[in-house]
Amino acid sequence: MKRRYIVLIVLAGLLIGLRAALPVLAKKQVNKNLNELDGYHGAVSDVRMRLGRGGFSGF
């Protein structure tokens, strides 16, 4: 029983960490893709994830 709680706590911690890292990872990927476009100059400064609504927005 104690092991089950430890596994659940570790899993919850990993999910929270992944959720916290998602906007940073998405911003890096979007800016990388924008830099690869010829004749375009721009960057995304902020990415907000709305996982409950199934979307995201970039600024």
PDB file of N, CA and C in Angstrom:
ATOM      1  N   MET A   1       0.827  -1.192   0.000  1.00  0.00           N
ATOM      2  CA  MET A   1       0.000   0.000   0.000  1.00  0.00           C
ATOM      3  C   MET A   1       0.873   1.258   0.000  1.00  0.00           C
ATOM      4  N   LYS A   2       1.935   1.250   0.791  1.00  0.00           N
ATOM      5  CA  LYS A   2       2.830   2.397   0.854  1.00  0.00           C
ATOM      6  C   LYS A   2       3.511   2.614  -0.496  1.00  0.00           C
ATOM      7  N   ARG A   3       3.873   1.519  -1.150  1.00  0.00           N
ATOM      8  CA  ARG A   3       4.521   1.608  -2.455  1.00  0.00           C
ATOM      9  C   ARG A   3       3.589   2.255  -3.484  1.00  0.00           C
ATOM     10  N   ARG A   4       2.320   1.954  -3.420  1.00  0.00           N
ATOM     11  CA  ARG A   4       1.338   2.523  -4.345  1.00  0.00           C
ATOM     12  C   ARG A   4       1.284   4.044  -4.212  1.00  0.00           C
ATOM     13  N   TYR A   5       1.313   4.541  -2.991  1.00  0.00           N
ATOM     14  CA  TYR A   5       1.286   5.984  -2.768  1.00  0.00           C
ATOM     15  C   TYR A   5       2.558   6.650  -3.295  1.00  0.00           C
ATOM     16  N   ILE A   6       3.679   5.984  -3.100  1.00  0.00           N
ATOM     17  CA  ILE A   6       4.941   6.543  -3.602  1.00  0.00           C
ATOM     18  C   ILE A   6       4.917   6.616  -5.117  1.00  0.00           C
ATOM     19  N   VAL A   7       4.427   5.565  -5.768  1.00  0.00           N
ATOM     20  CA  VAL A   7       4.341   5.556  -7.230  1.00  0.00           C
ATOM     21  C   VAL A   7       3.401   6.663  -7.707  1.00  0.00           C
ATOM     22  N   LEU A   8       2.276   6.842  -7.057  1.00  0.00           N
ATOM     23  CA  LEU A   8       1.330   7.890  -7.449  1.00  0.00           C
ATOM     24  C   LEU A   8       1.915   9.284  -7.257  1.00  0.00           C
ATOM     25  N   ILE A   9       2.650   9.486  -6.175  1.00  0.00           N
ATOM     26  CA  ILE A   9       3.267  10.792  -5.918  1.00  0.00           C
ATOM     27  C   ILE A   9       4.344  11.084  -6.956  1.00  0.00           C
ATOM     28  N   VAL A  10       5.158  10.090  -7.287  1.00  0.00           N
ATOM     29  CA  VAL A  10       6.199  10.275  -8.298  1.00  0.00           C
ATOM     30  C   VAL A  10       5.569  10.552  -9.657  1.00  0.00           C
ATOM     31  N   LEU A  11       4.537   9.811 -10.010  1.00  0.00           N
ATOM     32  CA  LEU A  11       3.844  10.023 -11.285  1.00  0.00           C
ATOM     33  C   LEU A  11       3.221  11.417 -11.351  1.00  0.00           C
ATOM     34  N   ALA A  12       2.594  11.848 -10.275  1.00  0.00           N
ATOM     35  CA  ALA A  12       2.013  13.191 -10.235  1.00  0.00           C
ATOM     36  C   ALA A  12       3.103  14.254 -10.377  1.00  0.00           C
ATOM     37  N   GLY A  13       4.243  14.045  -9.730  1.00  0.00           N
ATOM     38  CA  GLY A  13       5.349  14.989  -9.841  1.00  0.00           C
ATOM     39  C   GLY A  13       5.878  15.070 -11.270  1.00  0.00           C
ATOM     40  N   LEU A  14       5.994  13.937 -11.933  1.00  0.00           N
ATOM     41  CA  LEU A  14       6.449  13.924 -13.324  1.00  0.00           C
ATOM     42  C   LEU A  14       5.461  14.646 -14.244  1.00  0.00           C
ATOM     43  N   LEU A  15       4.186  14.416 -14.031  1.00  0.00           N
ATOM     44  CA  LEU A  15       3.171  15.085 -14.857  1.00  0.00           C
ATOM     45  C   LEU A  15       3.170  16.595 -14.631  1.00  0.00           C
ATOM     46  N   ILE A  16       3.334  17.015 -13.395  1.00  0.00           N
ATOM     47  CA  ILE A  16       3.390  18.449 -13.099  1.00  0.00           C
ATOM     48  C   ILE A  16       4.640  19.063 -13.726  1.00  0.00           C
ATOM     49  N   GLY A  17       5.756  18.358 -13.645  1.00  0.00           N
ATOM     50  CA  GLY A  17       6.986  18.847 -14.262  1.00  0.00           C
ATOM     51  C   GLY A  17       6.867  18.953 -15.769  1.00  0.00           C
ATOM     52  N   LEU A  18       6.256  17.955 -16.396  1.00  0.00           N
ATOM     53  CA  LEU A  18       6.045  17.991 -17.839  1.00  0.00           C
ATOM     54  C   LEU A  18       5.130  19.143 -18.219  1.00  0.00           C
ATOM     55  N   ARG A  19       4.092  19.349 -17.450  1.00  0.00           N
ATOM     56  CA  ARG A  19       3.162  20.445 -17.719  1.00  0.00           C
ATOM     57  C   ARG A  19       3.857  21.803 -17.595  1.00  0.00           C
ATOM     58  N   ALA A  20       4.757  21.929 -16.636  1.00  0.00           N
ATOM     59  CA  ALA A  20       5.489  23.183 -16.451  1.00  0.00           C
ATOM     60  C   ALA A  20       6.480  23.418 -17.586  1.00  0.00           C
ATOM     61  N   ALA A  21       7.032  22.347 -18.156  1.00  0.00           N
ATOM     62  CA  ALA A  21       8.037  22.471 -19.212  1.00  0.00           C
ATOM     63  C   ALA A  21       7.428  22.636 -20.604  1.00  0.00           C
ATOM     64  N   LEU A  22       6.176  22.282 -20.792  1.00  0.00           N
ATOM     65  CA  LEU A  22       5.568  22.321 -22.126  1.00  0.00           C
ATOM     66  C   LEU A  22       5.621  23.688 -22.807  1.00  0.00           C
ATOM     67  N   PRO A  23       5.277  24.789 -22.153  1.00  0.00           N
ATOM     68  CA  PRO A  23       5.341  26.078 -22.838  1.00  0.00           C
ATOM     69  C   PRO A  23       6.744  26.447 -23.303  1.00  0.00           C
ATOM     70  N   VAL A  24       7.752  26.141 -22.504  1.00  0.00           N
ATOM     71  CA  VAL A  24       9.136  26.457 -22.881  1.00  0.00           C
ATOM     72  C   VAL A  24       9.553  25.628 -24.085  1.00  0.00           C
ATOM     73  N   LEU A  25       9.230  24.341 -24.066  1.00  0.00           N
ATOM     74  CA  LEU A  25       9.586  23.466 -25.180  1.00  0.00           C
ATOM     75  C   LEU A  25       8.857  23.874 -26.456  1.00  0.00           C
ATOM     76  N   ALA A  26       7.580  24.227 -26.345  1.00  0.00           N
ATOM     77  CA  ALA A  26       6.812  24.648 -27.515  1.00  0.00           C
ATOM     78  C   ALA A  26       7.358  25.948 -28.089  1.00  0.00           C
ATOM     79  N   LYS A  27       7.725  26.885 -27.231  1.00  0.00           N
ATOM     80  CA  LYS A  27       8.277  28.166 -27.689  1.00  0.00           C
ATOM     81  C   LYS A  27       9.580  27.949 -28.449  1.00  0.00           C
ATOM     82  N   LYS A  28      10.450  27.100 -27.916  1.00  0.00           N
ATOM     83  CA  LYS A  28      11.716  26.816 -28.598  1.00  0.00           C
ATOM     84  C   LYS A  28      11.476  26.184 -29.961  1.00  0.00           C
ATOM     85  N   GLN A  29      10.535  25.252 -30.034  1.00  0.00           N
ATOM     86  CA  GLN A  29      10.259  24.568 -31.298  1.00  0.00           C
ATOM     87  C   GLN A  29       9.662  25.524 -32.325  1.00  0.00           C
ATOM     88  N   VAL A  30       8.741  26.370 -31.904  1.00  0.00           N
ATOM     89  CA  VAL A  30       8.125  27.330 -32.826  1.00  0.00           C
ATOM     90  C   VAL A  30       9.160  28.319 -33.342  1.00  0.00           C
ATOM     91  N   ASN A  31       9.996  28.853 -32.461  1.00  0.00           N
ATOM     92  CA  ASN A  31      11.026  29.797 -32.889  1.00  0.00           C
ATOM     93  C   ASN A  31      12.047  29.135 -33.802  1.00  0.00           C
ATOM     94  N   LYS A  32      12.367  27.882 -33.552  1.00  0.00           N
ATOM     95  CA  LYS A  32      13.280  27.145 -34.425  1.00  0.00           C
ATOM     96  C   LYS A  32      12.679  27.011 -35.823  1.00  0.00           C
ATOM     97  N   ASN A  33      11.409  26.651 -35.895  1.00  0.00           N
ATOM     98  CA  ASN A  33      10.745  26.513 -37.192  1.00  0.00           C
ATOM     99  C   ASN A  33      10.634  27.852 -37.913  1.00  0.00           C
ATOM    100  N   LEU A  34      10.382  28.936 -37.184  1.00  0.00           N
ATOM    101  CA  LEU A  34      10.300  30.255 -37.811  1.00  0.00           C
ATOM    102  C   LEU A  34      11.653  30.686 -38.362  1.00  0.00           C
ATOM    103  N   ASN A  35      12.731  30.361 -37.659  1.00  0.00           N
ATOM    104  CA  ASN A  35      14.069  30.729 -38.126  1.00  0.00           C
ATOM    105  C   ASN A  35      14.473  29.978 -39.376  1.00  0.00           C
ATOM    106  N   GLU A  36      13.886  28.811 -39.602  1.00  0.00           N
ATOM    107  CA  GLU A  36      14.216  28.018 -40.783  1.00  0.00           C
ATOM    108  C   GLU A  36      13.501  28.502 -42.044  1.00  0.00           C
ATOM    109  N   LEU A  37      12.508  29.374 -41.902  1.00  0.00           N
ATOM    110  CA  LEU A  37      11.776  29.890 -43.060  1.00  0.00           C
ATOM    111  C   LEU A  37      12.606  30.944 -43.786  1.00  0.00           C
ATOM    112  N   ASP A  38      12.744  30.803 -45.076  1.00  0.00           N
ATOM    113  CA  ASP A  38      13.468  31.788 -45.868  1.00  0.00           C
ATOM    114  C   ASP A  38      12.597  33.019 -46.091  1.00  0.00           C
ATOM    115  N   GLY A  39      13.181  34.187 -45.949  1.00  0.00           N
ATOM    116  CA  GLY A  39      12.475  35.434 -46.202  1.00  0.00           C
ATOM    117  C   GLY A  39      11.525  35.860 -45.100  1.00  0.00           C
ATOM    118  N   TYR A  40      11.629  35.237 -43.945  1.00  0.00           N
ATOM    119  CA  TYR A  40      10.749  35.611 -42.831  1.00  0.00           C
ATOM    120  C   TYR A  40      11.610  35.848 -41.606  1.00  0.00           C
ATOM    121  N   HIS A  41      11.296  36.916 -40.893  1.00  0.00           N
ATOM    122  CA  HIS A  41      12.017  37.221 -39.666  1.00  0.00           C
ATOM    123  C   HIS A  41      10.983  37.477 -38.580  1.00  0.00           C
ATOM    124  N   GLY A  42      11.003  36.702 -37.541  1.00  0.00           N
ATOM    125  CA  GLY A  42      10.062  36.886 -36.445  1.00  0.00           C
ATOM    126  C   GLY A  42      10.340  35.895 -35.339  1.00  0.00           C
ATOM    127  N   ALA A  43       9.697  36.105 -34.210  1.00  0.00           N
ATOM    128  CA  ALA A  43       9.885  35.219 -33.067  1.00  0.00           C
ATOM    129  C   ALA A  43       8.635  35.258 -32.188  1.00  0.00           C
ATOM    130  N   VAL A  44       8.431  34.186 -31.475  1.00  0.00           N
ATOM    131  CA  VAL A  44       7.343  34.088 -30.509  1.00  0.00           C
ATOM    132  C   VAL A  44       7.942  34.362 -29.137  1.00  0.00           C
ATOM    133  N   SER A  45       7.336  35.272 -28.389  1.00  0.00           N
ATOM    134  CA  SER A  45       7.891  35.621 -27.083  1.00  0.00           C
ATOM    135  C   SER A  45       7.204  34.897 -25.931  1.00  0.00           C
ATOM    136  N   ASP A  46       5.992  34.401 -26.136  1.00  0.00           N
ATOM    137  CA  ASP A  46       5.266  33.760 -25.046  1.00  0.00           C
ATOM    138  C   ASP A  46       4.324  32.712 -25.613  1.00  0.00           C
ATOM    139  N   VAL A  47       4.260  31.567 -24.964  1.00  0.00           N
ATOM    140  CA  VAL A  47       3.327  30.506 -25.333  1.00  0.00           C
ATOM    141  C   VAL A  47       2.549  30.130 -24.089  1.00  0.00           C
ATOM    142  N   ARG A  48       1.249  30.103 -24.204  1.00  0.00           N
ATOM    143  CA  ARG A  48       0.393  29.724 -23.082  1.00  0.00           C
ATOM    144  C   ARG A  48      -0.397  28.478 -23.471  1.00  0.00           C
ATOM    145  N   MET A  49      -0.299  27.461 -22.655  1.00  0.00           N
ATOM    146  CA  MET A  49      -0.980  26.200 -22.907  1.00  0.00           C
ATOM    147  C   MET A  49      -2.320  26.183 -22.170  1.00  0.00           C
ATOM    148  N   ARG A  50      -3.334  25.791 -22.885  1.00  0.00           N
ATOM    149  CA  ARG A  50      -4.669  25.614 -22.305  1.00  0.00           C
ATOM    150  C   ARG A  50      -5.059  24.153 -22.495  1.00  0.00           C
ATOM    151  N   LEU A  51      -4.475  23.288 -21.692  1.00  0.00           N
ATOM    152  CA  LEU A  51      -4.664  21.866 -21.886  1.00  0.00           C
ATOM    153  C   LEU A  51      -6.104  21.435 -21.575  1.00  0.00           C
ATOM    154  N   GLY A  52      -6.758  22.104 -20.668  1.00  0.00           N
ATOM    155  CA  GLY A  52      -8.139  21.765 -20.339  1.00  0.00           C
ATOM    156  C   GLY A  52      -9.077  22.047 -21.495  1.00  0.00           C
ATOM    157  N   ARG A  53      -8.738  23.082 -22.278  1.00  0.00           N
ATOM    158  CA  ARG A  53      -9.569  23.448 -23.431  1.00  0.00           C
ATOM    159  C   ARG A  53      -9.022  22.875 -24.721  1.00  0.00           C
ATOM    160  N   GLY A  54      -7.851  22.260 -24.669  1.00  0.00           N
ATOM    161  CA  GLY A  54      -7.284  21.623 -25.850  1.00  0.00           C
ATOM    162  C   GLY A  54      -6.664  22.586 -26.836  1.00  0.00           C
ATOM    163  N   GLY A  55      -6.047  23.655 -26.351  1.00  0.00           N
ATOM    164  CA  GLY A  55      -5.457  24.605 -27.274  1.00  0.00           C
ATOM    165  C   GLY A  55      -4.281  25.339 -26.659  1.00  0.00           C
ATOM    166  N   PHE A  56      -3.694  26.223 -27.467  1.00  0.00           N
ATOM    167  CA  PHE A  56      -2.600  27.058 -26.994  1.00  0.00           C
ATOM    168  C   PHE A  56      -2.640  28.366 -27.731  1.00  0.00           C
ATOM    169  N   SER A  57      -1.961  29.359 -27.197  1.00  0.00           N
ATOM    170  CA  SER A  57      -1.870  30.647 -27.874  1.00  0.00           C
ATOM    171  C   SER A  57      -0.443  31.138 -27.784  1.00  0.00           C
ATOM    172  N   GLY A  58      -0.019  31.817 -28.822  1.00  0.00           N
ATOM    173  CA  GLY A  58       1.335  32.355 -28.858  1.00  0.00           C
ATOM    174  C   GLY A  58       1.304  33.842 -29.035  1.00  0.00           C
ATOM    175  N   PHE A  59       2.220  34.538 -28.399  1.00  0.00           N
ATOM    176  CA  PHE A  59       2.296  35.996 -28.477  1.00  0.00           C
ATOM    177  C   PHE A  59       3.687  36.410 -28.861  1.00  0.00           C
TER     178      PHE A  59
END
